[in-house]
Amino acid sequence: MKNIIYNIGLCNGCFDCHTACAKIHSDKGGQSCRKMKRIDNPIDNSLKLITDACRHCDDPTCANNCPQFALSVDPITGFVILDEDKCIGCQICSFVCPFDVPKFINGKMVKCDGCNDRVKKGLLPACVESCERNALQLVEN
């Protein structure tokens, strides 16, 4: 099983991962599955931009609660995959996800799939490939 890990200390908030994700999902209207978040530190009055996406949980609450079984764990990669043909846009996966990952866009849910097809071909996820500082890495669990 694989997972994408994030090292906040290496991230410079460049948005390259966000842009790469949007580019690879051009067939979905260029929607990036990576969220960029601004973290304000009131102690030293600093801010940091961080990236966030699906954690691809071992026991995903989103998949366990989908009434249409539109979400599943890929047995090869371990990534949580959304079958858009089965999705009815009920948004239950979004409500139960503790990380607020699945998003409702144009009547369907959208979430990070870890670039599952790319990884199965031996390539890196677009976000990992684009990260010049290695803040994002694909690891074997």
N, C-alpha and C. Protein backbone atom coordinates (compact mmCIF):
# COMPACT_ATOMS: atom_id res chain seq x y z
N MET A 1 0.83 -1.17 0.00
CA MET A 1 0.00 0.00 0.00
C MET A 1 0.88 1.24 0.00
N LYS A 2 0.37 2.28 -0.62
CA LYS A 2 1.12 3.52 -0.75
C LYS A 2 0.38 4.67 -0.09
N ASN A 3 1.12 5.70 0.23
CA ASN A 3 0.51 6.89 0.78
C ASN A 3 1.36 8.10 0.42
N ILE A 4 0.72 9.23 0.35
CA ILE A 4 1.41 10.49 0.08
C ILE A 4 1.60 11.17 1.43
N ILE A 5 2.85 11.42 1.79
CA ILE A 5 3.10 12.09 3.06
C ILE A 5 3.54 13.53 2.79
N TYR A 6 3.30 14.38 3.77
CA TYR A 6 3.57 15.80 3.65
C TYR A 6 4.45 16.25 4.80
N ASN A 7 5.54 16.92 4.49
CA ASN A 7 6.44 17.48 5.49
C ASN A 7 6.30 19.00 5.45
N ILE A 8 5.57 19.54 6.40
CA ILE A 8 5.29 20.97 6.42
C ILE A 8 6.57 21.79 6.52
N GLY A 9 7.60 21.25 7.17
CA GLY A 9 8.85 21.97 7.32
C GLY A 9 9.59 22.21 6.02
N LEU A 10 9.34 21.36 5.02
CA LEU A 10 10.00 21.50 3.72
C LEU A 10 9.18 22.34 2.75
N CYS A 11 7.90 22.53 3.04
CA CYS A 11 7.00 23.24 2.12
C CYS A 11 7.24 24.74 2.17
N ASN A 12 7.34 25.34 0.99
CA ASN A 12 7.50 26.80 0.93
C ASN A 12 6.22 27.49 0.43
N GLY A 13 5.13 26.73 0.28
CA GLY A 13 3.85 27.33 -0.12
C GLY A 13 3.82 27.82 -1.55
N CYS A 14 4.56 27.14 -2.44
CA CYS A 14 4.71 27.62 -3.82
C CYS A 14 3.49 27.35 -4.71
N PHE A 15 2.59 26.47 -4.28
CA PHE A 15 1.37 26.12 -5.04
C PHE A 15 1.64 25.21 -6.24
N ASP A 16 2.88 24.74 -6.44
CA ASP A 16 3.17 23.87 -7.59
C ASP A 16 2.36 22.58 -7.53
N CYS A 17 2.17 22.03 -6.34
CA CYS A 17 1.40 20.79 -6.20
C CYS A 17 -0.06 21.02 -6.58
N HIS A 18 -0.59 22.14 -6.15
CA HIS A 18 -1.97 22.52 -6.45
C HIS A 18 -2.16 22.68 -7.97
N THR A 19 -1.23 23.36 -8.60
CA THR A 19 -1.28 23.60 -10.05
C THR A 19 -1.15 22.30 -10.82
N ALA A 20 -0.22 21.44 -10.40
CA ALA A 20 -0.01 20.15 -11.09
C ALA A 20 -1.26 19.28 -10.99
N CYS A 21 -1.90 19.30 -9.84
CA CYS A 21 -3.12 18.52 -9.65
C CYS A 21 -4.23 19.03 -10.57
N ALA A 22 -4.38 20.35 -10.64
CA ALA A 22 -5.41 20.94 -11.51
C ALA A 22 -5.14 20.59 -12.97
N LYS A 23 -3.87 20.62 -13.36
CA LYS A 23 -3.50 20.32 -14.75
C LYS A 23 -3.81 18.86 -15.09
N ILE A 24 -3.50 17.95 -14.19
CA ILE A 24 -3.73 16.53 -14.46
C ILE A 24 -5.22 16.20 -14.48
N HIS A 25 -6.02 17.03 -13.81
CA HIS A 25 -7.47 16.83 -13.79
C HIS A 25 -8.17 17.80 -14.75
N SER A 26 -7.53 18.12 -15.83
CA SER A 26 -8.13 19.05 -16.80
C SER A 26 -9.44 18.50 -17.36
N ASP A 27 -9.59 17.17 -17.36
CA ASP A 27 -10.84 16.56 -17.83
C ASP A 27 -11.99 16.82 -16.85
N LYS A 28 -11.67 17.25 -15.63
CA LYS A 28 -12.69 17.57 -14.63
C LYS A 28 -12.80 19.08 -14.44
N GLY A 29 -12.53 19.80 -15.48
CA GLY A 29 -12.63 21.25 -15.42
C GLY A 29 -11.46 21.90 -14.70
N GLY A 30 -10.35 21.19 -14.61
CA GLY A 30 -9.16 21.75 -13.97
C GLY A 30 -9.29 21.90 -12.47
N GLN A 31 -10.13 21.08 -11.86
CA GLN A 31 -10.34 21.15 -10.42
C GLN A 31 -9.18 20.47 -9.69
N SER A 32 -8.49 21.21 -8.85
CA SER A 32 -7.42 20.63 -8.05
C SER A 32 -8.01 19.94 -6.83
N CYS A 33 -7.51 18.78 -6.54
CA CYS A 33 -7.94 18.05 -5.34
C CYS A 33 -7.09 18.42 -4.13
N ARG A 34 -6.09 19.24 -4.34
CA ARG A 34 -5.24 19.71 -3.23
C ARG A 34 -5.77 21.07 -2.78
N LYS A 35 -5.93 21.22 -1.49
CA LYS A 35 -6.36 22.50 -0.93
C LYS A 35 -5.13 23.21 -0.39
N MET A 36 -5.09 24.49 -0.56
CA MET A 36 -4.04 25.30 0.04
C MET A 36 -4.68 26.02 1.22
N LYS A 37 -4.02 25.94 2.36
CA LYS A 37 -4.54 26.56 3.57
C LYS A 37 -3.52 27.55 4.13
N ARG A 38 -4.05 28.62 4.68
CA ARG A 38 -3.22 29.63 5.32
C ARG A 38 -3.29 29.40 6.82
N ILE A 39 -2.13 29.23 7.43
CA ILE A 39 -2.04 29.03 8.88
C ILE A 39 -1.38 30.26 9.48
N ASP A 40 -2.12 30.99 10.32
CA ASP A 40 -1.59 32.18 10.98
C ASP A 40 -1.08 31.80 12.37
N ASN A 41 0.10 32.27 12.71
CA ASN A 41 0.69 32.05 14.03
C ASN A 41 0.66 33.37 14.79
N PRO A 42 -0.27 33.51 15.74
CA PRO A 42 -0.38 34.79 16.46
C PRO A 42 0.78 35.04 17.42
N ILE A 43 1.53 34.01 17.77
CA ILE A 43 2.64 34.18 18.71
C ILE A 43 3.77 34.99 18.09
N ASP A 44 4.17 34.61 16.86
CA ASP A 44 5.25 35.36 16.21
C ASP A 44 4.77 36.18 15.02
N ASN A 45 3.43 36.25 14.87
CA ASN A 45 2.81 37.05 13.82
C ASN A 45 3.25 36.62 12.42
N SER A 46 3.44 35.31 12.24
CA SER A 46 3.86 34.79 10.94
C SER A 46 2.71 34.01 10.31
N LEU A 47 2.87 33.70 9.05
CA LEU A 47 1.89 32.86 8.38
C LEU A 47 2.62 31.84 7.52
N LYS A 48 1.94 30.74 7.27
CA LYS A 48 2.49 29.67 6.46
C LYS A 48 1.38 29.16 5.57
N LEU A 49 1.69 28.90 4.32
CA LEU A 49 0.76 28.26 3.42
C LEU A 49 1.09 26.78 3.39
N ILE A 50 0.08 25.95 3.58
CA ILE A 50 0.29 24.52 3.55
C ILE A 50 -0.66 23.89 2.55
N THR A 51 -0.35 22.68 2.15
CA THR A 51 -1.20 21.95 1.21
C THR A 51 -1.87 20.79 1.93
N ASP A 52 -3.04 20.42 1.48
CA ASP A 52 -3.80 19.36 2.12
C ASP A 52 -4.60 18.61 1.06
N ALA A 53 -4.75 17.31 1.27
CA ALA A 53 -5.55 16.48 0.36
C ALA A 53 -5.99 15.23 1.11
N CYS A 54 -6.58 14.31 0.42
CA CYS A 54 -7.07 13.07 1.02
C CYS A 54 -5.94 12.32 1.71
N ARG A 55 -6.24 11.78 2.89
CA ARG A 55 -5.27 11.00 3.65
C ARG A 55 -5.26 9.53 3.23
N HIS A 56 -6.21 9.12 2.40
CA HIS A 56 -6.32 7.73 1.94
C HIS A 56 -6.26 6.78 3.13
N CYS A 57 -7.20 6.97 4.02
CA CYS A 57 -7.28 6.22 5.28
C CYS A 57 -7.34 4.71 5.04
N ASP A 58 -6.79 3.96 5.98
CA ASP A 58 -6.85 2.49 5.91
C ASP A 58 -8.29 2.00 6.03
N ASP A 59 -9.07 2.66 6.86
CA ASP A 59 -10.48 2.31 7.07
C ASP A 59 -11.30 3.58 6.83
N PRO A 60 -11.49 3.97 5.56
CA PRO A 60 -12.07 5.28 5.24
C PRO A 60 -13.54 5.43 5.61
N THR A 61 -13.80 6.42 6.44
CA THR A 61 -15.17 6.72 6.85
C THR A 61 -16.03 7.09 5.66
N CYS A 62 -15.44 7.79 4.70
CA CYS A 62 -16.21 8.20 3.51
C CYS A 62 -16.73 6.98 2.76
N ALA A 63 -15.86 6.01 2.53
CA ALA A 63 -16.27 4.80 1.79
C ALA A 63 -17.25 3.95 2.60
N ASN A 64 -17.02 3.89 3.90
CA ASN A 64 -17.88 3.07 4.76
C ASN A 64 -19.29 3.62 4.89
N ASN A 65 -19.49 4.89 4.55
CA ASN A 65 -20.80 5.52 4.69
C ASN A 65 -21.47 5.86 3.36
N CYS A 66 -20.84 5.55 2.25
CA CYS A 66 -21.42 5.87 0.95
C CYS A 66 -22.55 4.89 0.61
N PRO A 67 -23.78 5.40 0.47
CA PRO A 67 -24.92 4.50 0.20
C PRO A 67 -24.87 3.86 -1.19
N GLN A 68 -24.08 4.40 -2.09
CA GLN A 68 -23.99 3.88 -3.45
C GLN A 68 -22.72 3.06 -3.68
N PHE A 69 -21.90 2.92 -2.65
CA PHE A 69 -20.61 2.21 -2.76
C PHE A 69 -19.76 2.81 -3.88
N ALA A 70 -19.81 4.13 -3.98
CA ALA A 70 -19.05 4.84 -5.01
C ALA A 70 -17.59 5.05 -4.61
N LEU A 71 -17.30 4.86 -3.34
CA LEU A 71 -15.93 5.00 -2.85
C LEU A 71 -15.40 3.64 -2.42
N SER A 72 -14.16 3.37 -2.79
CA SER A 72 -13.55 2.10 -2.41
C SER A 72 -12.04 2.28 -2.30
N VAL A 73 -11.39 1.33 -1.66
CA VAL A 73 -9.94 1.35 -1.53
C VAL A 73 -9.36 0.46 -2.62
N ASP A 74 -8.48 1.01 -3.43
CA ASP A 74 -7.82 0.23 -4.47
C ASP A 74 -6.94 -0.83 -3.80
N PRO A 75 -7.13 -2.10 -4.13
CA PRO A 75 -6.37 -3.16 -3.45
C PRO A 75 -4.88 -3.15 -3.77
N ILE A 76 -4.49 -2.51 -4.84
CA ILE A 76 -3.07 -2.48 -5.22
C ILE A 76 -2.35 -1.31 -4.58
N THR A 77 -2.93 -0.11 -4.70
CA THR A 77 -2.26 1.09 -4.20
C THR A 77 -2.69 1.48 -2.78
N GLY A 78 -3.90 1.14 -2.42
CA GLY A 78 -4.44 1.56 -1.12
C GLY A 78 -5.09 2.92 -1.15
N PHE A 79 -5.13 3.55 -2.32
CA PHE A 79 -5.77 4.86 -2.44
C PHE A 79 -7.29 4.72 -2.42
N VAL A 80 -7.96 5.71 -1.84
CA VAL A 80 -9.42 5.75 -1.81
C VAL A 80 -9.88 6.37 -3.13
N ILE A 81 -10.64 5.58 -3.88
CA ILE A 81 -11.04 5.95 -5.24
C ILE A 81 -12.54 6.20 -5.30
N LEU A 82 -12.92 7.21 -6.05
CA LEU A 82 -14.32 7.55 -6.28
C LEU A 82 -14.74 7.09 -7.66
N ASP A 83 -15.79 6.29 -7.74
CA ASP A 83 -16.38 5.87 -9.01
C ASP A 83 -17.46 6.89 -9.35
N GLU A 84 -17.14 7.81 -10.24
CA GLU A 84 -18.06 8.91 -10.56
C GLU A 84 -19.38 8.43 -11.15
N ASP A 85 -19.37 7.28 -11.81
CA ASP A 85 -20.61 6.76 -12.39
C ASP A 85 -21.59 6.30 -11.31
N LYS A 86 -21.08 5.87 -10.16
CA LYS A 86 -21.94 5.42 -9.07
C LYS A 86 -22.36 6.57 -8.16
N CYS A 87 -21.60 7.64 -8.15
CA CYS A 87 -21.85 8.77 -7.25
C CYS A 87 -23.15 9.48 -7.61
N ILE A 88 -23.99 9.69 -6.61
CA ILE A 88 -25.26 10.41 -6.84
C ILE A 88 -25.20 11.83 -6.25
N GLY A 89 -24.05 12.19 -5.70
CA GLY A 89 -23.89 13.55 -5.17
C GLY A 89 -24.62 13.80 -3.87
N CYS A 90 -24.84 12.77 -3.07
CA CYS A 90 -25.58 12.93 -1.81
C CYS A 90 -24.77 13.68 -0.74
N GLN A 91 -23.47 13.74 -0.90
CA GLN A 91 -22.55 14.48 -0.04
C GLN A 91 -22.31 13.85 1.33
N ILE A 92 -22.80 12.64 1.55
CA ILE A 92 -22.58 11.98 2.84
C ILE A 92 -21.09 11.81 3.10
N CYS A 93 -20.33 11.46 2.08
CA CYS A 93 -18.89 11.26 2.26
C CYS A 93 -18.22 12.54 2.78
N SER A 94 -18.67 13.67 2.30
CA SER A 94 -18.12 14.95 2.74
C SER A 94 -18.47 15.23 4.20
N PHE A 95 -19.69 14.91 4.58
CA PHE A 95 -20.14 15.17 5.95
C PHE A 95 -19.40 14.30 6.96
N VAL A 96 -19.06 13.07 6.60
CA VAL A 96 -18.44 12.15 7.56
C VAL A 96 -16.91 12.17 7.52
N CYS A 97 -16.32 12.74 6.50
CA CYS A 97 -14.86 12.78 6.41
C CYS A 97 -14.30 13.71 7.49
N PRO A 98 -13.45 13.20 8.39
CA PRO A 98 -12.92 14.06 9.45
C PRO A 98 -11.95 15.12 8.94
N PHE A 99 -11.54 15.02 7.68
CA PHE A 99 -10.58 15.96 7.11
C PHE A 99 -11.21 16.88 6.08
N ASP A 100 -12.54 16.80 5.90
CA ASP A 100 -13.26 17.67 4.98
C ASP A 100 -12.68 17.61 3.56
N VAL A 101 -12.45 16.38 3.08
CA VAL A 101 -11.78 16.21 1.79
C VAL A 101 -12.73 16.20 0.59
N PRO A 102 -13.71 15.29 0.54
CA PRO A 102 -14.57 15.28 -0.67
C PRO A 102 -15.33 16.60 -0.82
N LYS A 103 -15.38 17.08 -2.05
CA LYS A 103 -16.06 18.35 -2.34
C LYS A 103 -17.17 18.11 -3.36
N PHE A 104 -18.25 18.83 -3.20
CA PHE A 104 -19.40 18.75 -4.11
C PHE A 104 -19.23 19.78 -5.21
N ILE A 105 -19.03 19.31 -6.44
CA ILE A 105 -18.80 20.21 -7.57
C ILE A 105 -19.61 19.71 -8.77
N ASN A 106 -20.42 20.57 -9.30
CA ASN A 106 -21.24 20.25 -10.48
C ASN A 106 -22.06 18.97 -10.31
N GLY A 107 -22.68 18.83 -9.14
CA GLY A 107 -23.59 17.71 -8.91
C GLY A 107 -22.94 16.39 -8.53
N LYS A 108 -21.63 16.36 -8.42
CA LYS A 108 -20.91 15.13 -8.06
C LYS A 108 -19.85 15.45 -7.02
N MET A 109 -19.37 14.41 -6.39
CA MET A 109 -18.29 14.57 -5.42
C MET A 109 -16.96 14.48 -6.18
N VAL A 110 -15.98 15.22 -5.69
CA VAL A 110 -14.63 15.22 -6.24
C VAL A 110 -13.67 15.03 -5.08
N LYS A 111 -12.68 14.13 -5.25
CA LYS A 111 -11.67 13.96 -4.22
C LYS A 111 -10.38 13.45 -4.85
N CYS A 112 -9.30 13.61 -4.11
CA CYS A 112 -8.00 13.13 -4.55
C CYS A 112 -8.02 11.61 -4.69
N ASP A 113 -7.47 11.12 -5.79
CA ASP A 113 -7.35 9.66 -5.98
C ASP A 113 -5.89 9.23 -5.95
N GLY A 114 -5.01 10.13 -5.48
CA GLY A 114 -3.59 9.81 -5.42
C GLY A 114 -2.95 9.61 -6.78
N CYS A 115 -3.64 10.10 -7.82
CA CYS A 115 -3.20 9.83 -9.20
C CYS A 115 -3.02 8.32 -9.39
N ASN A 116 -4.03 7.60 -8.95
CA ASN A 116 -4.00 6.14 -8.91
C ASN A 116 -3.54 5.51 -10.22
N ASP A 117 -4.07 5.96 -11.35
CA ASP A 117 -3.67 5.39 -12.65
C ASP A 117 -2.19 5.62 -12.92
N ARG A 118 -1.69 6.79 -12.58
CA ARG A 118 -0.26 7.09 -12.77
C ARG A 118 0.60 6.19 -11.89
N VAL A 119 0.21 6.04 -10.64
CA VAL A 119 1.00 5.24 -9.70
C VAL A 119 1.03 3.78 -10.14
N LYS A 120 -0.07 3.28 -10.65
CA LYS A 120 -0.11 1.89 -11.14
C LYS A 120 0.82 1.68 -12.33
N LYS A 121 1.13 2.76 -13.05
CA LYS A 121 2.06 2.68 -14.18
C LYS A 121 3.51 2.94 -13.76
N GLY A 122 3.73 3.11 -12.45
CA GLY A 122 5.08 3.35 -11.96
C GLY A 122 5.48 4.81 -11.91
N LEU A 123 4.52 5.71 -12.16
CA LEU A 123 4.79 7.15 -12.11
C LEU A 123 4.42 7.70 -10.73
N LEU A 124 4.89 8.87 -10.44
CA LEU A 124 4.53 9.55 -9.20
C LEU A 124 3.22 10.31 -9.36
N PRO A 125 2.49 10.53 -8.26
CA PRO A 125 1.35 11.43 -8.33
C PRO A 125 1.83 12.81 -8.79
N ALA A 126 0.98 13.53 -9.49
CA ALA A 126 1.36 14.83 -10.05
C ALA A 126 1.86 15.79 -8.97
N CYS A 127 1.22 15.79 -7.81
CA CYS A 127 1.63 16.70 -6.74
C CYS A 127 3.03 16.37 -6.24
N VAL A 128 3.32 15.10 -6.09
CA VAL A 128 4.64 14.67 -5.61
C VAL A 128 5.71 14.99 -6.65
N GLU A 129 5.41 14.69 -7.90
CA GLU A 129 6.35 14.94 -8.99
C GLU A 129 6.71 16.42 -9.11
N SER A 130 5.74 17.28 -8.84
CA SER A 130 5.96 18.72 -9.02
C SER A 130 6.64 19.39 -7.84
N CYS A 131 6.75 18.69 -6.71
CA CYS A 131 7.29 19.31 -5.50
C CYS A 131 8.82 19.26 -5.50
N GLU A 132 9.42 20.39 -5.84
CA GLU A 132 10.88 20.47 -5.95
C GLU A 132 11.58 20.39 -4.59
N ARG A 133 10.87 20.68 -3.51
CA ARG A 133 11.48 20.66 -2.17
C ARG A 133 11.26 19.33 -1.46
N ASN A 134 10.61 18.38 -2.13
CA ASN A 134 10.31 17.04 -1.56
C ASN A 134 9.47 17.11 -0.30
N ALA A 135 8.61 18.13 -0.20
CA ALA A 135 7.69 18.21 0.92
C ALA A 135 6.60 17.16 0.79
N LEU A 136 6.31 16.73 -0.42
CA LEU A 136 5.38 15.65 -0.68
C LEU A 136 6.16 14.46 -1.21
N GLN A 137 5.90 13.30 -0.64
CA GLN A 137 6.57 12.08 -1.05
C GLN A 137 5.60 10.92 -1.08
N LEU A 138 5.81 10.03 -2.03
CA LEU A 138 5.03 8.79 -2.11
C LEU A 138 5.81 7.72 -1.36
N VAL A 139 5.19 7.13 -0.36
CA VAL A 139 5.86 6.12 0.45
C VAL A 139 5.07 4.81 0.44
N GLU A 140 5.78 3.75 0.66
CA GLU A 140 5.17 2.42 0.78
C GLU A 140 4.89 2.19 2.27
N ASN A 141 3.66 1.82 2.59
CA ASN A 141 3.30 1.55 3.99
C ASN A 141 3.75 0.17 4.39
